[in-house]
Amino acid sequence: MASIVSKRLDRLSQYLFVQVRQGLGHRSAYKPIDLSVGDPDEGVNQQILEEAFRVALRAKGANRYPPGRGQIGLRRAIARWMQDRYGARFDPEREIAVCSGSKEGIAHLIHVLIDPGQKLLTGSLAYPVYGRAAGLAGGTTEILTMEENNGFWLDYAKSKGGKAICFNYPNNPTGACVTREHFKELTAWAKKKDVFMISDAAYNEMSFGNRAAPSIFEIPQARGRAVEFHSFSKSFGLPGLRLGWVCGEPDVISALLKLKDTYDSGVCNWVQSVGQFLLEMPERDAELRRLRAIYGRRRAVAEEALGAMGFGVFRSGATFYVWARPGRSHFTAELKERVNVLTVPGEGFGPGGNSYMRFALCQSEGRIKEALARVASVVDLASGRRQKQRS
């Protein structure tokens, strides 16, 4: 019998993180340690979260269908957040919508913007959803070079343009950060080439030290030619809630809602109420600092240990990822096979990832140290084999 699945979907490879986690429970002397997926284990203080849930579940209409654009209380809280954080004003009635996480919102938005044959620009190191969504929409993808010697910033200067450009800073997988000046130059180029900008700001609250990650909307000229996505998954350590938002160009947001109203029925009311509670709570900024401190310590531990093993480590100062060069091919597969540590091969994020790998620090510090000890044992084993070969 011929396949009943559409050709477009049939051509789609299995999602990267599903591939990586296959065989997670394979027979091994080691219990698995999963450093593959960016699934935060640390989140908002449990007592605060329990209070947020109590308030949300007591709210009138918690069990009813939500408004497609999102609850107005949450949208107003988002508008205040964007103004407080970035000095950017948004009309909560027209320029903000609630999504089931930024992943869902970005994937649907690409379908809104890209017609068959049209081109989405994205980096040579990118969240896989961007290119996959463009392909499912019948579009094509132009890959823009990102190199370590340029801080993994997009090299868009030689591109002739396309319908839209999708970018993510602080960056997954590298942790690379950019400045307002980067966004100012990108906005000028996008205006000249008539390219719409999609900013994935999921990791903006995960910048360590004194560096604050900018919003594309700190550039006034981005108005009318951009949208930006934010996420509770990474900022508040709540990936299971599936809650995020998009802000920006109102006509594009209205078109996104037209598609979403066809495909889904919005984010459930009590989840939105939890989000509003977290954005408005007095402890908000202290909690976010606490989470950054936890992940910052983990990064320092991992970067120091991997550097001592001889890895080339990109010291980025943002996200809970460590982007590193192990110095030999197939090392992620070797870690999984020998010591049951799961990581992600760099090429899974695009052609710029060859020779790199990503560690997601979403386990306790103790488990991360155990994983790093296992990594060191594999490195030492390989070093011993090379010494025997030379002798």
Protein backbone atom coordinates (compact mmCIF):
# COMPACT_ATOMS: atom_id res chain seq x y z
CA MET A 1 0.00 0.00 0.00
CA ALA A 2 1.29 3.45 -0.91
CA SER A 3 2.11 5.79 1.96
CA ILE A 4 -0.90 7.79 3.10
CA VAL A 5 1.37 10.38 4.74
CA SER A 6 1.88 13.61 2.78
CA LYS A 7 5.12 13.76 0.80
CA ARG A 8 6.09 16.96 2.59
CA LEU A 9 5.92 15.28 5.99
CA ASP A 10 7.33 12.01 4.72
CA ARG A 11 10.50 13.83 3.65
CA LEU A 12 10.93 15.33 7.12
CA SER A 13 13.67 13.69 9.17
CA GLN A 14 13.07 12.72 12.77
CA TYR A 15 13.36 15.65 15.17
CA LEU A 16 16.91 16.13 16.49
CA PHE A 17 16.20 15.63 20.19
CA VAL A 18 14.09 12.54 19.55
CA GLN A 19 17.04 11.07 17.64
CA VAL A 20 19.49 11.93 20.41
CA ARG A 21 17.36 10.35 23.14
CA GLN A 22 16.82 7.06 21.30
CA GLY A 23 18.31 4.20 23.26
CA LEU A 24 18.47 6.27 26.44
CA GLY A 25 17.65 3.17 28.46
CA HIS A 26 20.15 0.88 26.70
CA ARG A 27 21.90 -1.72 28.83
CA SER A 28 24.85 -0.05 30.56
CA ALA A 29 26.84 -0.21 33.77
CA TYR A 30 26.03 3.49 34.18
CA LYS A 31 22.75 5.17 34.96
CA PRO A 32 21.96 7.66 32.18
CA ILE A 33 22.77 11.34 32.61
CA ASP A 34 20.91 13.44 30.08
CA LEU A 35 22.73 16.63 29.10
CA SER A 36 21.06 16.77 25.70
CA VAL A 37 17.78 18.70 25.91
CA GLY A 38 17.43 22.21 27.33
CA ASP A 39 14.79 21.12 29.83
CA PRO A 40 15.38 23.22 32.97
CA ASP A 41 15.37 21.26 36.23
CA GLU A 42 15.49 24.44 38.33
CA GLY A 43 12.56 26.82 38.30
CA VAL A 44 10.67 29.32 40.38
CA ASN A 45 10.64 28.62 44.13
CA GLN A 46 8.17 25.82 44.90
CA GLN A 47 6.21 27.82 47.50
CA ILE A 48 5.75 30.70 45.06
CA LEU A 49 4.68 28.30 42.33
CA GLU A 50 2.16 26.58 44.60
CA GLU A 51 0.63 29.94 45.50
CA ALA A 52 0.49 30.88 41.81
CA PHE A 53 -1.38 27.64 41.07
CA ARG A 54 -3.81 28.18 43.93
CA VAL A 55 -4.64 31.68 42.72
CA ALA A 56 -4.92 30.52 39.10
CA LEU A 57 -7.21 27.58 39.81
CA ARG A 58 -9.54 29.69 41.96
CA ALA A 59 -9.98 32.27 39.21
CA LYS A 60 -13.39 32.45 37.58
CA GLY A 61 -13.52 30.62 34.25
CA ALA A 62 -10.32 28.60 34.81
CA ASN A 63 -11.99 25.64 33.07
CA ARG A 64 -13.43 27.60 30.13
CA TYR A 65 -12.07 28.25 26.64
CA PRO A 66 -9.50 31.06 26.73
CA PRO A 67 -9.49 34.10 24.43
CA GLY A 68 -7.39 33.34 21.35
CA ARG A 69 -5.14 36.36 21.81
CA GLY A 70 -4.68 35.54 25.49
CA GLN A 71 -6.08 36.93 28.71
CA ILE A 72 -5.96 40.72 28.82
CA GLY A 73 -4.50 40.66 32.35
CA LEU A 74 -1.52 38.62 31.16
CA ARG A 75 -1.07 40.77 28.05
CA ARG A 76 -1.00 43.91 30.18
CA ALA A 77 1.58 42.30 32.47
CA ILE A 78 3.66 41.42 29.39
CA ALA A 79 3.41 45.01 28.14
CA ARG A 80 4.73 46.27 31.50
CA TRP A 81 7.55 43.69 31.42
CA MET A 82 8.64 44.78 27.92
CA GLN A 83 8.61 48.43 28.96
CA ASP A 84 10.48 47.78 32.22
CA ARG A 85 13.08 45.52 30.62
CA TYR A 86 13.64 47.19 27.25
CA GLY A 87 11.89 50.56 27.27
CA ALA A 88 9.63 49.26 24.48
CA ARG A 89 5.93 50.14 24.57
CA PHE A 90 3.34 47.70 23.20
CA ASP A 91 -0.43 47.93 22.94
CA PRO A 92 -1.71 44.79 24.73
CA GLU A 93 -4.86 44.87 22.59
CA ARG A 94 -3.06 44.77 19.22
CA GLU A 95 0.67 44.14 19.58
CA ILE A 96 0.86 41.19 22.01
CA ALA A 97 -0.44 37.61 21.80
CA VAL A 98 0.00 34.61 24.07
CA CYS A 99 1.44 31.36 22.67
CA SER A 100 1.79 27.76 23.84
CA GLY A 101 5.49 28.38 24.28
CA SER A 102 7.73 30.20 21.81
CA LYS A 103 8.41 26.99 19.83
CA GLU A 104 4.77 26.67 18.80
CA GLY A 105 4.47 30.37 18.08
CA ILE A 106 7.56 30.54 15.87
CA ALA A 107 6.61 27.42 13.91
CA HIS A 108 3.13 28.78 13.21
CA LEU A 109 4.47 32.24 12.38
CA ILE A 110 6.78 30.84 9.72
CA HIS A 111 3.72 29.24 8.11
CA VAL A 112 2.01 32.64 8.24
CA LEU A 113 4.89 34.38 6.45
CA ILE A 114 6.34 31.84 4.01
CA ASP A 115 4.58 30.88 0.78
CA PRO A 116 5.78 27.92 -1.32
CA GLY A 117 9.08 28.80 -2.95
CA GLN A 118 9.80 31.75 -0.65
CA LYS A 119 12.96 31.92 1.40
CA LEU A 120 13.60 32.03 5.14
CA LEU A 121 17.06 33.18 6.22
CA THR A 122 18.55 31.60 9.31
CA GLY A 123 21.96 30.84 10.78
CA SER A 124 24.28 27.92 10.20
CA LEU A 125 23.72 27.17 13.90
CA ALA A 126 20.03 27.35 14.70
CA TYR A 127 17.16 25.83 16.63
CA PRO A 128 15.96 23.09 14.23
CA VAL A 129 12.34 24.30 14.30
CA TYR A 130 13.08 27.27 12.02
CA GLY A 131 14.19 25.32 8.97
CA ARG A 132 11.75 22.47 9.52
CA ALA A 133 8.79 24.87 9.67
CA ALA A 134 9.94 26.61 6.48
CA GLY A 135 10.16 23.26 4.70
CA LEU A 136 6.71 22.20 5.83
CA ALA A 137 5.38 25.54 4.55
CA GLY A 138 6.85 24.71 1.13
CA GLY A 139 9.58 27.32 1.46
CA THR A 140 13.34 27.16 1.24
CA THR A 141 16.05 28.08 3.72
CA GLU A 142 19.17 30.16 3.11
CA ILE A 143 21.87 29.36 5.63
CA LEU A 144 23.89 32.33 6.88
CA THR A 145 27.39 31.58 8.15
CA MET A 146 28.06 31.83 11.89
CA GLU A 147 31.69 31.45 13.01
CA GLU A 148 33.38 31.48 16.38
CA ASN A 149 35.94 34.11 15.35
CA ASN A 150 33.01 36.49 14.79
CA GLY A 151 31.22 35.63 18.03
CA PHE A 152 28.75 33.42 16.08
CA TRP A 153 27.01 36.52 14.70
CA LEU A 154 25.01 36.05 11.48
CA ASP A 155 26.91 36.89 8.29
CA TYR A 156 24.00 38.34 6.32
CA ALA A 157 25.91 40.99 4.36
CA LYS A 158 26.27 38.90 1.19
CA SER A 159 22.68 37.66 1.16
CA LYS A 160 20.29 39.08 -1.41
CA GLY A 161 17.52 38.76 1.16
CA GLY A 162 14.36 36.72 1.48
CA LYS A 163 10.88 36.89 2.94
CA ALA A 164 12.04 36.74 6.56
CA ILE A 165 15.06 36.21 8.77
CA CYS A 166 14.86 34.22 12.01
CA PHE A 167 17.56 34.68 14.65
CA ASN A 168 18.13 33.77 18.30
CA TYR A 169 20.38 35.70 20.70
CA PRO A 170 21.49 34.75 23.30
CA ASN A 171 21.99 31.85 20.96
CA ASN A 172 21.05 28.22 21.16
CA PRO A 173 23.30 26.20 20.84
CA THR A 174 26.36 28.43 21.30
CA GLY A 175 25.32 30.84 24.06
CA ALA A 176 26.62 33.70 21.89
CA CYS A 177 25.41 37.19 22.81
CA VAL A 178 24.99 40.35 20.77
CA THR A 179 24.75 44.06 21.44
CA ARG A 180 22.24 46.74 20.47
CA GLU A 181 24.70 47.78 17.76
CA HIS A 182 24.42 44.32 16.17
CA PHE A 183 20.64 44.67 16.12
CA LYS A 184 20.86 48.23 14.80
CA GLU A 185 22.96 47.08 11.83
CA LEU A 186 20.71 44.08 11.19
CA THR A 187 17.61 46.27 11.25
CA ALA A 188 19.13 48.69 8.73
CA TRP A 189 20.00 45.78 6.42
CA ALA A 190 16.54 44.21 6.80
CA LYS A 191 14.89 47.52 5.94
CA LYS A 192 17.07 47.91 2.85
CA LYS A 193 16.34 44.35 1.67
CA ASP A 194 12.67 44.39 2.79
CA VAL A 195 13.17 41.34 5.02
CA PHE A 196 10.85 40.73 7.98
CA MET A 197 12.64 39.94 11.27
CA ILE A 198 11.70 37.14 13.71
CA SER A 199 13.59 37.49 16.98
CA ASP A 200 13.62 34.42 19.23
CA ALA A 201 14.46 35.90 22.64
CA ALA A 202 13.84 32.74 24.68
CA TYR A 203 17.15 33.07 26.55
CA ASN A 204 17.19 36.82 27.21
CA GLU A 205 16.87 36.31 30.98
CA MET A 206 19.80 33.88 31.02
CA SER A 207 22.62 36.38 30.57
CA PHE A 208 25.18 36.19 33.38
CA GLY A 209 27.26 38.94 34.97
CA ASN A 210 26.40 42.53 34.14
CA ARG A 211 25.51 41.90 30.50
CA ALA A 212 21.81 42.38 29.70
CA ALA A 213 20.56 40.80 26.50
CA PRO A 214 18.91 43.38 24.22
CA SER A 215 15.54 43.19 22.50
CA ILE A 216 15.23 43.91 18.79
CA PHE A 217 12.68 46.54 19.82
CA GLU A 218 15.34 48.61 21.55
CA ILE A 219 15.96 49.67 17.95
CA PRO A 220 13.09 52.06 17.05
CA GLN A 221 13.42 51.29 13.33
CA ALA A 222 12.45 47.66 14.02
CA ARG A 223 8.85 48.76 14.56
CA GLY A 224 6.63 47.57 11.76
CA ARG A 225 9.12 45.02 10.46
CA ALA A 226 9.65 42.58 13.33
CA VAL A 227 8.11 40.38 15.98
CA GLU A 228 9.83 38.95 19.04
CA PHE A 229 9.10 35.79 21.04
CA HIS A 230 9.66 35.30 24.77
CA SER A 231 9.24 32.17 26.88
CA PHE A 232 8.40 31.19 30.45
CA SER A 233 10.19 27.87 29.81
CA LYS A 234 13.69 29.27 30.07
CA SER A 235 13.16 32.56 31.95
CA PHE A 236 11.21 31.03 34.85
CA GLY A 237 12.32 27.40 34.47
CA LEU A 238 8.81 26.18 33.61
CA PRO A 239 8.98 24.29 30.29
CA GLY A 240 6.02 22.08 31.17
CA LEU A 241 3.60 25.03 31.35
CA ARG A 242 3.97 25.68 27.59
CA LEU A 243 3.58 29.43 27.86
CA GLY A 244 5.17 32.27 25.94
CA TRP A 245 4.30 35.39 24.02
CA VAL A 246 4.91 37.29 20.81
CA CYS A 247 4.99 41.06 20.50
CA GLY A 248 5.45 43.40 17.58
CA GLU A 249 3.88 44.15 14.21
CA PRO A 250 0.09 44.02 14.77
CA ASP A 251 -0.95 42.86 11.29
CA VAL A 252 1.45 39.91 11.46
CA ILE A 253 0.23 39.02 14.95
CA SER A 254 -3.38 39.15 13.72
CA ALA A 255 -2.46 36.80 10.88
CA LEU A 256 -0.76 34.46 13.34
CA LEU A 257 -3.93 34.40 15.45
CA LYS A 258 -5.99 33.64 12.35
CA LEU A 259 -3.90 30.49 11.86
CA LYS A 260 -3.84 29.61 15.56
CA ASP A 261 -7.61 30.03 15.86
CA THR A 262 -7.88 27.40 13.12
CA TYR A 263 -5.41 24.95 14.66
CA ASP A 264 -5.77 25.38 18.43
CA SER A 265 -7.95 26.92 21.11
CA GLY A 266 -5.35 28.99 22.93
CA VAL A 267 -3.45 28.48 26.17
CA CYS A 268 -5.63 27.25 29.03
CA ASN A 269 -6.80 29.97 31.37
CA TRP A 270 -5.16 28.78 34.58
CA VAL A 271 -1.74 28.52 32.88
CA GLN A 272 -2.08 32.11 31.72
CA SER A 273 -3.07 33.15 35.24
CA VAL A 274 0.10 31.52 36.58
CA GLY A 275 2.10 33.48 34.03
CA GLN A 276 0.48 36.75 35.07
CA PHE A 277 1.14 35.97 38.75
CA LEU A 278 4.84 35.36 38.05
CA LEU A 279 5.30 38.52 36.01
CA GLU A 280 3.63 40.64 38.68
CA MET A 281 4.97 39.05 41.88
CA PRO A 282 7.23 41.26 44.06
CA GLU A 283 9.87 38.49 44.23
CA ARG A 284 10.14 38.22 40.41
CA ASP A 285 13.54 39.79 39.81
CA ALA A 286 15.09 38.18 42.89
CA GLU A 287 13.89 34.77 41.69
CA LEU A 288 15.31 35.35 38.22
CA ARG A 289 18.66 36.35 39.74
CA ARG A 290 18.63 33.19 41.88
CA LEU A 291 18.07 31.01 38.81
CA ARG A 292 20.81 32.78 36.86
CA ALA A 293 23.21 32.21 39.77
CA ILE A 294 22.48 28.47 39.78
CA TYR A 295 23.07 28.05 36.06
CA GLY A 296 26.05 30.40 36.16
CA ARG A 297 27.76 28.16 38.74
CA ARG A 298 27.05 25.10 36.63
CA ARG A 299 28.52 26.78 33.55
CA ALA A 300 31.68 27.69 35.45
CA VAL A 301 32.11 24.09 36.65
CA ALA A 302 31.56 22.62 33.18
CA GLU A 303 33.73 25.12 31.32
CA GLU A 304 36.65 24.64 33.72
CA ALA A 305 36.43 20.83 33.62
CA LEU A 306 36.10 20.59 29.85
CA GLY A 307 38.92 23.07 29.32
CA ALA A 308 41.17 20.97 31.58
CA MET A 309 40.36 17.93 29.43
CA GLY A 310 41.58 19.75 26.32
CA PHE A 311 38.22 20.75 24.86
CA GLY A 312 37.96 24.02 23.01
CA VAL A 313 35.25 25.83 25.01
CA PHE A 314 33.35 28.87 23.74
CA ARG A 315 32.94 31.02 26.85
CA SER A 316 29.77 32.89 26.06
CA GLY A 317 28.29 34.21 29.30
CA ALA A 318 24.68 33.26 28.53
CA THR A 319 22.23 30.31 28.43
CA PHE A 320 22.61 27.00 30.25
CA TYR A 321 24.50 25.44 27.33
CA VAL A 322 28.21 24.85 26.92
CA TRP A 323 29.40 24.77 23.32
CA ALA A 324 32.68 22.91 22.94
CA ARG A 325 35.05 21.21 20.50
CA PRO A 326 36.06 17.73 21.67
CA GLY A 327 38.86 17.42 19.13
CA ARG A 328 37.58 14.29 17.44
CA SER A 329 34.55 13.09 15.51
CA HIS A 330 31.64 10.99 16.80
CA PHE A 331 32.46 11.87 20.40
CA THR A 332 28.81 12.32 21.41
CA ALA A 333 28.04 8.79 20.21
CA GLU A 334 31.07 7.49 22.10
CA LEU A 335 29.90 9.13 25.34
CA LYS A 336 26.47 7.61 24.98
CA GLU A 337 27.81 4.16 24.18
CA ARG A 338 30.61 4.00 26.76
CA VAL A 339 29.36 5.95 29.78
CA ASN A 340 25.65 6.67 29.12
CA VAL A 341 26.02 10.46 28.98
CA LEU A 342 23.75 12.11 26.43
CA THR A 343 24.86 15.27 24.65
CA VAL A 344 24.05 16.73 21.23
CA PRO A 345 26.38 16.66 18.21
CA GLY A 346 26.94 20.16 16.86
CA GLU A 347 25.96 19.26 13.31
CA GLY A 348 22.43 18.65 14.57
CA PHE A 349 22.03 22.44 14.68
CA GLY A 350 23.33 23.00 11.17
CA PRO A 351 26.50 22.96 9.06
CA GLY A 352 28.24 25.41 11.38
CA GLY A 353 28.25 22.78 14.11
CA ASN A 354 30.70 20.33 12.58
CA SER A 355 33.43 19.51 15.14
CA TYR A 356 31.36 20.94 18.04
CA MET A 357 29.02 19.47 20.65
CA ARG A 358 26.49 20.93 23.09
CA PHE A 359 26.10 20.20 26.80
CA ALA A 360 22.77 21.25 28.37
CA LEU A 361 23.32 21.88 32.08
CA CYS A 362 19.82 20.87 33.16
CA GLN A 363 20.81 18.45 35.90
CA SER A 364 21.93 19.08 39.46
CA GLU A 365 25.50 20.26 39.95
CA GLY A 366 26.35 16.86 41.44
CA ARG A 367 25.02 15.00 38.40
CA ILE A 368 26.86 17.39 36.08
CA LYS A 369 30.12 16.71 37.93
CA GLU A 370 29.48 12.96 37.66
CA ALA A 371 28.84 13.33 33.92
CA LEU A 372 32.04 15.35 33.50
CA ALA A 373 34.01 12.67 35.36
CA ARG A 374 32.64 10.11 32.91
CA VAL A 375 33.58 12.36 29.98
CA ALA A 376 37.11 12.60 31.41
CA SER A 377 37.34 8.81 31.62
CA VAL A 378 36.52 8.51 27.92
CA VAL A 379 39.06 11.21 27.06
CA ASP A 380 41.72 9.43 29.16
CA LEU A 381 40.89 6.11 27.50
CA ALA A 382 41.34 7.62 24.05
CA SER A 383 44.58 9.30 25.13
CA GLY A 384 45.90 5.98 26.41
CA ARG A 385 45.08 4.28 23.11
CA ARG A 386 46.97 6.97 21.17
CA GLN A 387 50.03 6.61 23.42
CA LYS A 388 50.08 2.83 22.87
CA GLN A 389 49.85 3.34 19.12
CA ARG A 390 52.84 5.75 19.17
CA SER A 391 54.92 3.33 21.26
